[in-house]
PDB file of N, CA and C in Angstrom:
ATOM      1  N   MET A   1      -2.915  10.642 -10.814  1.00  0.00           N
ATOM      2  CA  MET A   1      -2.866  11.257  -9.502  1.00  0.00           C
ATOM      3  C   MET A   1      -2.359  12.695  -9.678  1.00  0.00           C
ATOM      4  N   THR A   2      -3.153  13.665  -9.267  1.00  0.00           N
ATOM      5  CA  THR A   2      -2.741  15.051  -9.417  1.00  0.00           C
ATOM      6  C   THR A   2      -2.801  15.776  -8.082  1.00  0.00           C
ATOM      7  N   GLU A   3      -1.642  16.180  -7.582  1.00  0.00           N
ATOM      8  CA  GLU A   3      -1.538  16.974  -6.361  1.00  0.00           C
ATOM      9  C   GLU A   3      -2.384  16.456  -5.204  1.00  0.00           C
ATOM     10  N   LYS A   4      -2.328  15.175  -4.979  1.00  0.00           N
ATOM     11  CA  LYS A   4      -3.070  14.639  -3.843  1.00  0.00           C
ATOM     12  C   LYS A   4      -2.318  13.484  -3.210  1.00  0.00           C
ATOM     13  N   ILE A   5      -2.833  13.093  -2.070  1.00  0.00           N
ATOM     14  CA  ILE A   5      -2.267  11.978  -1.327  1.00  0.00           C
ATOM     15  C   ILE A   5      -3.273  10.835  -1.369  1.00  0.00           C
ATOM     16  N   GLU A   6      -2.783   9.630  -1.606  1.00  0.00           N
ATOM     17  CA  GLU A   6      -3.639   8.445  -1.670  1.00  0.00           C
ATOM     18  C   GLU A   6      -3.168   7.418  -0.646  1.00  0.00           C
ATOM     19  N   ALA A   7      -4.109   6.722  -0.057  1.00  0.00           N
ATOM     20  CA  ALA A   7      -3.800   5.672   0.918  1.00  0.00           C
ATOM     21  C   ALA A   7      -3.710   4.313   0.234  1.00  0.00           C
ATOM     22  N   LEU A   8      -2.771   3.513   0.667  1.00  0.00           N
ATOM     23  CA  LEU A   8      -2.712   2.094   0.312  1.00  0.00           C
ATOM     24  C   LEU A   8      -3.208   1.356   1.547  1.00  0.00           C
ATOM     25  N   THR A   9      -4.341   0.686   1.414  1.00  0.00           N
ATOM     26  CA  THR A   9      -4.938   0.004   2.562  1.00  0.00           C
ATOM     27  C   THR A   9      -5.019  -1.501   2.325  1.00  0.00           C
ATOM     28  N   MET A  10      -5.197  -2.227   3.414  1.00  0.00           N
ATOM     29  CA  MET A  10      -5.362  -3.675   3.324  1.00  0.00           C
ATOM     30  C   MET A  10      -6.655  -3.960   2.564  1.00  0.00           C
ATOM     31  N   PRO A  11      -6.554  -4.659   1.432  1.00  0.00           N
ATOM     32  CA  PRO A  11      -7.753  -4.953   0.646  1.00  0.00           C
ATOM     33  C   PRO A  11      -8.626  -6.019   1.311  1.00  0.00           C
ATOM     34  N   LYS A  12      -9.852  -6.112   0.835  1.00  0.00           N
ATOM     35  CA  LYS A  12     -10.770  -7.163   1.298  1.00  0.00           C
ATOM     36  C   LYS A  12     -11.031  -8.077   0.110  1.00  0.00           C
ATOM     37  N   TRP A  13     -10.531  -9.303   0.195  1.00  0.00           N
ATOM     38  CA  TRP A  13     -10.698 -10.287  -0.869  1.00  0.00           C
ATOM     39  C   TRP A  13     -11.656 -11.361  -0.392  1.00  0.00           C
ATOM     40  N   GLY A  14     -12.911 -11.077  -0.425  1.00  0.00           N
ATOM     41  CA  GLY A  14     -13.903 -12.066  -0.016  1.00  0.00           C
ATOM     42  C   GLY A  14     -14.656 -11.631   1.220  1.00  0.00           C
ATOM     43  N   ILE A  15     -15.844 -12.155   1.360  1.00  0.00           N
ATOM     44  CA  ILE A  15     -16.754 -11.776   2.433  1.00  0.00           C
ATOM     45  C   ILE A  15     -16.176 -12.070   3.811  1.00  0.00           C
ATOM     46  N   GLU A  16     -15.487 -13.174   3.953  1.00  0.00           N
ATOM     47  CA  GLU A  16     -15.008 -13.598   5.268  1.00  0.00           C
ATOM     48  C   GLU A  16     -13.650 -13.025   5.666  1.00  0.00           C
ATOM     49  N   MET A  17     -12.966 -12.369   4.745  1.00  0.00           N
ATOM     50  CA  MET A  17     -11.629 -11.846   5.062  1.00  0.00           C
ATOM     51  C   MET A  17     -11.725 -10.712   6.077  1.00  0.00           C
ATOM     52  N   GLU A  18     -10.986 -10.852   7.171  1.00  0.00           N
ATOM     53  CA  GLU A  18     -10.945  -9.822   8.206  1.00  0.00           C
ATOM     54  C   GLU A  18      -9.561  -9.204   8.353  1.00  0.00           C
ATOM     55  N   GLU A  19      -8.516  -9.942   7.924  1.00  0.00           N
ATOM     56  CA  GLU A  19      -7.149  -9.450   8.049  1.00  0.00           C
ATOM     57  C   GLU A  19      -6.262 -10.136   7.022  1.00  0.00           C
ATOM     58  N   GLY A  20      -5.083  -9.569   6.828  1.00  0.00           N
ATOM     59  CA  GLY A  20      -4.108 -10.150   5.919  1.00  0.00           C
ATOM     60  C   GLY A  20      -2.708  -9.919   6.444  1.00  0.00           C
ATOM     61  N   LYS A  21      -1.780 -10.759   6.001  1.00  0.00           N
ATOM     62  CA  LYS A  21      -0.379 -10.655   6.416  1.00  0.00           C
ATOM     63  C   LYS A  21       0.452 -10.214   5.217  1.00  0.00           C
ATOM     64  N   ILE A  22       1.236  -9.171   5.404  1.00  0.00           N
ATOM     65  CA  ILE A  22       2.148  -8.739   4.348  1.00  0.00           C
ATOM     66  C   ILE A  22       3.348  -9.674   4.382  1.00  0.00           C
ATOM     67  N   THR A  23       3.531 -10.425   3.313  1.00  0.00           N
ATOM     68  CA  THR A  23       4.668 -11.340   3.268  1.00  0.00           C
ATOM     69  C   THR A  23       5.883 -10.712   2.593  1.00  0.00           C
ATOM     70  N   GLU A  24       5.640  -9.699   1.738  1.00  0.00           N
ATOM     71  CA  GLU A  24       6.771  -9.060   1.059  1.00  0.00           C
ATOM     72  C   GLU A  24       6.370  -7.702   0.503  1.00  0.00           C
ATOM     73  N   TRP A  25       7.187  -6.702   0.765  1.00  0.00           N
ATOM     74  CA  TRP A  25       7.064  -5.409   0.102  1.00  0.00           C
ATOM     75  C   TRP A  25       7.927  -5.465  -1.153  1.00  0.00           C
ATOM     76  N   ILE A  26       7.365  -5.170  -2.295  1.00  0.00           N
ATOM     77  CA  ILE A  26       8.122  -5.116  -3.546  1.00  0.00           C
ATOM     78  C   ILE A  26       8.581  -3.674  -3.796  1.00  0.00           C
ATOM     79  N   ILE A  27       7.669  -2.733  -3.636  1.00  0.00           N
ATOM     80  CA  ILE A  27       7.960  -1.315  -3.877  1.00  0.00           C
ATOM     81  C   ILE A  27       8.718  -0.721  -2.683  1.00  0.00           C
ATOM     82  N   GLN A  28       9.661   0.122  -2.972  1.00  0.00           N
ATOM     83  CA  GLN A  28      10.447   0.795  -1.933  1.00  0.00           C
ATOM     84  C   GLN A  28      10.010   2.255  -1.816  1.00  0.00           C
ATOM     85  N   GLU A  29      10.169   2.810  -0.634  1.00  0.00           N
ATOM     86  CA  GLU A  29       9.836   4.221  -0.429  1.00  0.00           C
ATOM     87  C   GLU A  29      10.630   5.094  -1.394  1.00  0.00           C
ATOM     88  N   GLY A  30       9.946   6.101  -1.936  1.00  0.00           N
ATOM     89  CA  GLY A  30      10.596   7.037  -2.843  1.00  0.00           C
ATOM     90  C   GLY A  30      10.661   6.576  -4.285  1.00  0.00           C
ATOM     91  N   LYS A  31      10.136   5.409  -4.571  1.00  0.00           N
ATOM     92  CA  LYS A  31      10.180   4.860  -5.930  1.00  0.00           C
ATOM     93  C   LYS A  31       8.862   5.115  -6.653  1.00  0.00           C
ATOM     94  N   SER A  32       8.962   5.429  -7.932  1.00  0.00           N
ATOM     95  CA  SER A  32       7.763   5.582  -8.749  1.00  0.00           C
ATOM     96  C   SER A  32       7.378   4.218  -9.314  1.00  0.00           C
ATOM     97  N   PHE A  33       6.127   4.112  -9.721  1.00  0.00           N
ATOM     98  CA  PHE A  33       5.605   2.851 -10.242  1.00  0.00           C
ATOM     99  C   PHE A  33       4.588   3.138 -11.336  1.00  0.00           C
ATOM    100  N   LYS A  34       4.298   2.130 -12.113  1.00  0.00           N
ATOM    101  CA  LYS A  34       3.314   2.217 -13.189  1.00  0.00           C
ATOM    102  C   LYS A  34       2.108   1.350 -12.846  1.00  0.00           C
ATOM    103  N   ARG A  35       0.978   1.707 -13.395  1.00  0.00           N
ATOM    104  CA  ARG A  35      -0.237   0.918 -13.215  1.00  0.00           C
ATOM    105  C   ARG A  35       0.047  -0.533 -13.603  1.00  0.00           C
ATOM    106  N   GLY A  36      -0.390  -1.453 -12.751  1.00  0.00           N
ATOM    107  CA  GLY A  36      -0.208  -2.873 -13.015  1.00  0.00           C
ATOM    108  C   GLY A  36       1.033  -3.480 -12.385  1.00  0.00           C
ATOM    109  N   GLU A  37       1.976  -2.649 -11.918  1.00  0.00           N
ATOM    110  CA  GLU A  37       3.169  -3.176 -11.247  1.00  0.00           C
ATOM    111  C   GLU A  37       2.795  -3.727  -9.875  1.00  0.00           C
ATOM    112  N   VAL A  38       3.488  -4.776  -9.468  1.00  0.00           N
ATOM    113  CA  VAL A  38       3.246  -5.377  -8.157  1.00  0.00           C
ATOM    114  C   VAL A  38       3.892  -4.503  -7.085  1.00  0.00           C
ATOM    115  N   LEU A  39       3.102  -4.159  -6.054  1.00  0.00           N
ATOM    116  CA  LEU A  39       3.580  -3.319  -4.958  1.00  0.00           C
ATOM    117  C   LEU A  39       3.963  -4.136  -3.732  1.00  0.00           C
ATOM    118  N   LEU A  40       3.167  -5.156  -3.417  1.00  0.00           N
ATOM    119  CA  LEU A  40       3.418  -5.999  -2.255  1.00  0.00           C
ATOM    120  C   LEU A  40       2.664  -7.306  -2.401  1.00  0.00           C
ATOM    121  N   VAL A  41       2.983  -8.256  -1.525  1.00  0.00           N
ATOM    122  CA  VAL A  41       2.321  -9.564  -1.517  1.00  0.00           C
ATOM    123  C   VAL A  41       1.640  -9.727  -0.166  1.00  0.00           C
ATOM    124  N   ILE A  42       0.364 -10.120  -0.217  1.00  0.00           N
ATOM    125  CA  ILE A  42      -0.435 -10.310   0.994  1.00  0.00           C
ATOM    126  C   ILE A  42      -0.948 -11.736   1.031  1.00  0.00           C
ATOM    127  N   GLU A  43      -0.919 -12.308   2.223  1.00  0.00           N
ATOM    128  CA  GLU A  43      -1.392 -13.678   2.445  1.00  0.00           C
ATOM    129  C   GLU A  43      -2.564 -13.646   3.428  1.00  0.00           C
ATOM    130  N   THR A  44      -3.587 -14.448   3.116  1.00  0.00           N
ATOM    131  CA  THR A  44      -4.700 -14.624   4.051  1.00  0.00           C
ATOM    132  C   THR A  44      -4.723 -16.092   4.448  1.00  0.00           C
ATOM    133  N   ASP A  45      -5.719 -16.475   5.224  1.00  0.00           N
ATOM    134  CA  ASP A  45      -5.802 -17.887   5.603  1.00  0.00           C
ATOM    135  C   ASP A  45      -6.168 -18.772   4.417  1.00  0.00           C
ATOM    136  N   LYS A  46      -6.608 -18.151   3.304  1.00  0.00           N
ATOM    137  CA  LYS A  46      -7.013 -18.938   2.136  1.00  0.00           C
ATOM    138  C   LYS A  46      -6.124 -18.764   0.911  1.00  0.00           C
ATOM    139  N   ILE A  47      -5.538 -17.580   0.725  1.00  0.00           N
ATOM    140  CA  ILE A  47      -4.763 -17.315  -0.493  1.00  0.00           C
ATOM    141  C   ILE A  47      -3.549 -16.439  -0.207  1.00  0.00           C
ATOM    142  N   SER A  48      -2.646 -16.418  -1.182  1.00  0.00           N
ATOM    143  CA  SER A  48      -1.552 -15.454  -1.209  1.00  0.00           C
ATOM    144  C   SER A  48      -1.697 -14.730  -2.538  1.00  0.00           C
ATOM    145  N   ASN A  49      -1.645 -13.402  -2.511  1.00  0.00           N
ATOM    146  CA  ASN A  49      -1.923 -12.653  -3.723  1.00  0.00           C
ATOM    147  C   ASN A  49      -1.050 -11.411  -3.805  1.00  0.00           C
ATOM    148  N   GLU A  50      -0.729 -11.014  -5.034  1.00  0.00           N
ATOM    149  CA  GLU A  50       0.028  -9.795  -5.277  1.00  0.00           C
ATOM    150  C   GLU A  50      -0.935  -8.617  -5.371  1.00  0.00           C
ATOM    151  N   VAL A  51      -0.551  -7.491  -4.795  1.00  0.00           N
ATOM    152  CA  VAL A  51      -1.326  -6.262  -4.910  1.00  0.00           C
ATOM    153  C   VAL A  51      -0.666  -5.417  -5.991  1.00  0.00           C
ATOM    154  N   GLU A  52      -1.433  -5.119  -7.044  1.00  0.00           N
ATOM    155  CA  GLU A  52      -0.922  -4.336  -8.163  1.00  0.00           C
ATOM    156  C   GLU A  52      -1.373  -2.886  -8.053  1.00  0.00           C
ATOM    157  N   ALA A  53      -0.561  -1.982  -8.577  1.00  0.00           N
ATOM    158  CA  ALA A  53      -0.904  -0.561  -8.601  1.00  0.00           C
ATOM    159  C   ALA A  53      -2.099  -0.336  -9.515  1.00  0.00           C
ATOM    160  N   GLU A  54      -3.019   0.494  -9.062  1.00  0.00           N
ATOM    161  CA  GLU A  54      -4.207   0.822  -9.848  1.00  0.00           C
ATOM    162  C   GLU A  54      -3.995   2.071 -10.695  1.00  0.00           C
ATOM    163  N   PHE A  55      -2.861   2.751 -10.513  1.00  0.00           N
ATOM    164  CA  PHE A  55      -2.539   3.971 -11.247  1.00  0.00           C
ATOM    165  C   PHE A  55      -1.024   4.169 -11.208  1.00  0.00           C
ATOM    166  N   ASP A  56      -0.508   5.069 -12.049  1.00  0.00           N
ATOM    167  CA  ASP A  56       0.903   5.452 -12.001  1.00  0.00           C
ATOM    168  C   ASP A  56       1.097   6.381 -10.808  1.00  0.00           C
ATOM    169  N   GLY A  57       2.231   6.299 -10.137  1.00  0.00           N
ATOM    170  CA  GLY A  57       2.431   7.190  -9.005  1.00  0.00           C
ATOM    171  C   GLY A  57       3.796   7.065  -8.366  1.00  0.00           C
ATOM    172  N   LEU A  58       3.878   7.615  -7.154  1.00  0.00           N
ATOM    173  CA  LEU A  58       5.107   7.623  -6.368  1.00  0.00           C
ATOM    174  C   LEU A  58       4.777   7.104  -4.977  1.00  0.00           C
ATOM    175  N   PHE A  59       5.510   6.075  -4.534  1.00  0.00           N
ATOM    176  CA  PHE A  59       5.297   5.518  -3.197  1.00  0.00           C
ATOM    177  C   PHE A  59       6.131   6.330  -2.227  1.00  0.00           C
ATOM    178  N   ARG A  60       5.464   7.068  -1.340  1.00  0.00           N
ATOM    179  CA  ARG A  60       6.171   7.990  -0.458  1.00  0.00           C
ATOM    180  C   ARG A  60       6.490   7.424   0.911  1.00  0.00           C
ATOM    181  N   LYS A  61       5.586   6.587   1.469  1.00  0.00           N
ATOM    182  CA  LYS A  61       5.823   6.139   2.843  1.00  0.00           C
ATOM    183  C   LYS A  61       5.240   4.758   3.091  1.00  0.00           C
ATOM    184  N   ARG A  62       6.057   3.910   3.690  1.00  0.00           N
ATOM    185  CA  ARG A  62       5.608   2.607   4.183  1.00  0.00           C
ATOM    186  C   ARG A  62       5.210   2.810   5.644  1.00  0.00           C
ATOM    187  N   VAL A  63       3.982   2.461   5.978  1.00  0.00           N
ATOM    188  CA  VAL A  63       3.468   2.670   7.331  1.00  0.00           C
ATOM    189  C   VAL A  63       3.652   1.427   8.196  1.00  0.00           C
ATOM    190  N   VAL A  64       3.614   0.251   7.582  1.00  0.00           N
ATOM    191  CA  VAL A  64       3.747  -1.009   8.319  1.00  0.00           C
ATOM    192  C   VAL A  64       4.839  -1.860   7.682  1.00  0.00           C
ATOM    193  N   GLU A  65       5.332  -2.818   8.422  1.00  0.00           N
ATOM    194  CA  GLU A  65       6.420  -3.673   7.946  1.00  0.00           C
ATOM    195  C   GLU A  65       5.904  -5.032   7.476  1.00  0.00           C
ATOM    196  N   ALA A  66       6.736  -5.724   6.712  1.00  0.00           N
ATOM    197  CA  ALA A  66       6.428  -7.090   6.280  1.00  0.00           C
ATOM    198  C   ALA A  66       6.388  -8.009   7.493  1.00  0.00           C
ATOM    199  N   ASP A  67       5.709  -9.108   7.337  1.00  0.00           N
ATOM    200  CA  ASP A  67       5.509 -10.135   8.365  1.00  0.00           C
ATOM    201  C   ASP A  67       4.483  -9.736   9.414  1.00  0.00           C
ATOM    202  N   GLY A  68       3.882  -8.566   9.257  1.00  0.00           N
ATOM    203  CA  GLY A  68       2.827  -8.160  10.181  1.00  0.00           C
ATOM    204  C   GLY A  68       1.456  -8.512   9.630  1.00  0.00           C
ATOM    205  N   THR A  69       0.511  -8.745  10.526  1.00  0.00           N
ATOM    206  CA  THR A  69      -0.873  -9.023  10.160  1.00  0.00           C
ATOM    207  C   THR A  69      -1.706  -7.801  10.522  1.00  0.00           C
ATOM    208  N   TYR A  70      -2.532  -7.348   9.557  1.00  0.00           N
ATOM    209  CA  TYR A  70      -3.282  -6.110   9.717  1.00  0.00           C
ATOM    210  C   TYR A  70      -4.733  -6.307   9.284  1.00  0.00           C
ATOM    211  N   PRO A  71      -5.669  -5.591   9.925  1.00  0.00           N
ATOM    212  CA  PRO A  71      -7.080  -5.734   9.575  1.00  0.00           C
ATOM    213  C   PRO A  71      -7.393  -5.116   8.213  1.00  0.00           C
ATOM    214  N   VAL A  72      -8.463  -5.587   7.590  1.00  0.00           N
ATOM    215  CA  VAL A  72      -8.950  -5.012   6.340  1.00  0.00           C
ATOM    216  C   VAL A  72      -9.161  -3.514   6.552  1.00  0.00           C
ATOM    217  N   GLY A  73      -8.695  -2.722   5.615  1.00  0.00           N
ATOM    218  CA  GLY A  73      -8.839  -1.273   5.691  1.00  0.00           C
ATOM    219  C   GLY A  73      -7.702  -0.556   6.394  1.00  0.00           C
ATOM    220  N   ALA A  74      -6.780  -1.297   7.026  1.00  0.00           N
ATOM    221  CA  ALA A  74      -5.652  -0.670   7.729  1.00  0.00           C
ATOM    222  C   ALA A  74      -4.752   0.063   6.737  1.00  0.00           C
ATOM    223  N   LEU A  75      -4.221   1.195   7.157  1.00  0.00           N
ATOM    224  CA  LEU A  75      -3.292   1.959   6.336  1.00  0.00           C
ATOM    225  C   LEU A  75      -1.953   1.230   6.272  1.00  0.00           C
ATOM    226  N   LEU A  76      -1.523   0.897   5.058  1.00  0.00           N
ATOM    227  CA  LEU A  76      -0.263   0.181   4.853  1.00  0.00           C
ATOM    228  C   LEU A  76       0.835   1.098   4.325  1.00  0.00           C
ATOM    229  N   GLY A  77       0.439   2.044   3.484  1.00  0.00           N
ATOM    230  CA  GLY A  77       1.406   2.937   2.866  1.00  0.00           C
ATOM    231  C   GLY A  77       0.722   4.153   2.281  1.00  0.00           C
ATOM    232  N   VAL A  78       1.541   5.080   1.772  1.00  0.00           N
ATOM    233  CA  VAL A  78       1.020   6.338   1.251  1.00  0.00           C
ATOM    234  C   VAL A  78       1.642   6.636  -0.110  1.00  0.00           C
ATOM    235  N   PHE A  79       0.779   7.018  -1.055  1.00  0.00           N
ATOM    236  CA  PHE A  79       1.199   7.500  -2.366  1.00  0.00           C
ATOM    237  C   PHE A  79       1.012   9.012  -2.374  1.00  0.00           C
ATOM    238  N   ALA A  80       1.951   9.749  -2.935  1.00  0.00           N
ATOM    239  CA  ALA A  80       1.796  11.199  -3.064  1.00  0.00           C
ATOM    240  C   ALA A  80       2.752  11.709  -4.133  1.00  0.00           C
ATOM    241  N   GLU A  81       2.343  12.773  -4.792  1.00  0.00           N
ATOM    242  CA  GLU A  81       3.195  13.424  -5.775  1.00  0.00           C
ATOM    243  C   GLU A  81       4.460  13.948  -5.098  1.00  0.00           C
ATOM    244  N   GLU A  82       5.519  14.046  -5.852  1.00  0.00           N
ATOM    245  CA  GLU A  82       6.796  14.538  -5.324  1.00  0.00           C
ATOM    246  C   GLU A  82       6.679  15.972  -4.807  1.00  0.00           C
ATOM    247  N   SER A  83       5.767  16.746  -5.385  1.00  0.00           N
ATOM    248  CA  SER A  83       5.606  18.151  -4.995  1.00  0.00           C
ATOM    249  C   SER A  83       4.971  18.328  -3.617  1.00  0.00           C
ATOM    250  N   ILE A  84       4.385  17.284  -3.073  1.00  0.00           N
ATOM    251  CA  ILE A  84       3.768  17.361  -1.746  1.00  0.00           C
ATOM    252  C   ILE A  84       4.856  17.190  -0.686  1.00  0.00           C
ATOM    253  N   ALA A  85       4.873  18.111   0.270  1.00  0.00           N
ATOM    254  CA  ALA A  85       5.909  18.122   1.311  1.00  0.00           C
ATOM    255  C   ALA A  85       5.817  16.892   2.211  1.00  0.00           C
ATOM    256  N   ASP A  86       6.978  16.478   2.733  1.00  0.00           N
ATOM    257  CA  ASP A  86       7.034  15.324   3.633  1.00  0.00           C
ATOM    258  C   ASP A  86       6.134  15.499   4.852  1.00  0.00           C
ATOM    259  N   ASP A  87       6.052  16.728   5.388  1.00  0.00           N
ATOM    260  CA  ASP A  87       5.212  16.935   6.570  1.00  0.00           C
ATOM    261  C   ASP A  87       3.735  16.730   6.260  1.00  0.00           C
ATOM    262  N   GLU A  88       3.321  17.001   5.022  1.00  0.00           N
ATOM    263  CA  GLU A  88       1.931  16.738   4.622  1.00  0.00           C
ATOM    264  C   GLU A  88       1.671  15.232   4.569  1.00  0.00           C
ATOM    265  N   VAL A  89       2.656  14.481   4.091  1.00  0.00           N
ATOM    266  CA  VAL A  89       2.538  13.021   4.061  1.00  0.00           C
ATOM    267  C   VAL A  89       2.447  12.495   5.489  1.00  0.00           C
ATOM    268  N   GLU A  90       3.271  13.018   6.386  1.00  0.00           N
ATOM    269  CA  GLU A  90       3.246  12.591   7.793  1.00  0.00           C
ATOM    270  C   GLU A  90       1.903  12.902   8.449  1.00  0.00           C
ATOM    271  N   LYS A  91       1.327  14.061   8.144  1.00  0.00           N
ATOM    272  CA  LYS A  91       0.016  14.425   8.696  1.00  0.00           C
ATOM    273  C   LYS A  91      -1.060  13.450   8.231  1.00  0.00           C
ATOM    274  N   PHE A  92      -0.932  12.975   7.000  1.00  0.00           N
ATOM    275  CA  PHE A  92      -1.898  12.039   6.429  1.00  0.00           C
ATOM    276  C   PHE A  92      -1.901  10.720   7.194  1.00  0.00           C
ATOM    277  N   VAL A  93      -0.715  10.327   7.653  1.00  0.00           N
ATOM    278  CA  VAL A  93      -0.571   9.070   8.380  1.00  0.00           C
ATOM    279  C   VAL A  93      -1.219   9.206   9.736  1.00  0.00           C
TER     280      VAL A  93
END
């Protein structure tokens, strides 16, 4: 990730999945992470699964809380380099 902002969105695990429930946030705001680390746990009507980081980065903002149910594609959180100002992260949300 180089000088950009990335969205963490509700994944789609299967053709019929329309929404998922965040059962646990593992990553905390302001914490860096490595590719493959677990960021959060999501439950659907069929499975419970861990969401792993696809790249190394910094978790800047949690947009939604645990125990909430959100549609596929919903913005859950924001990744951004430390050099990006907080107001830019807020604009992204």
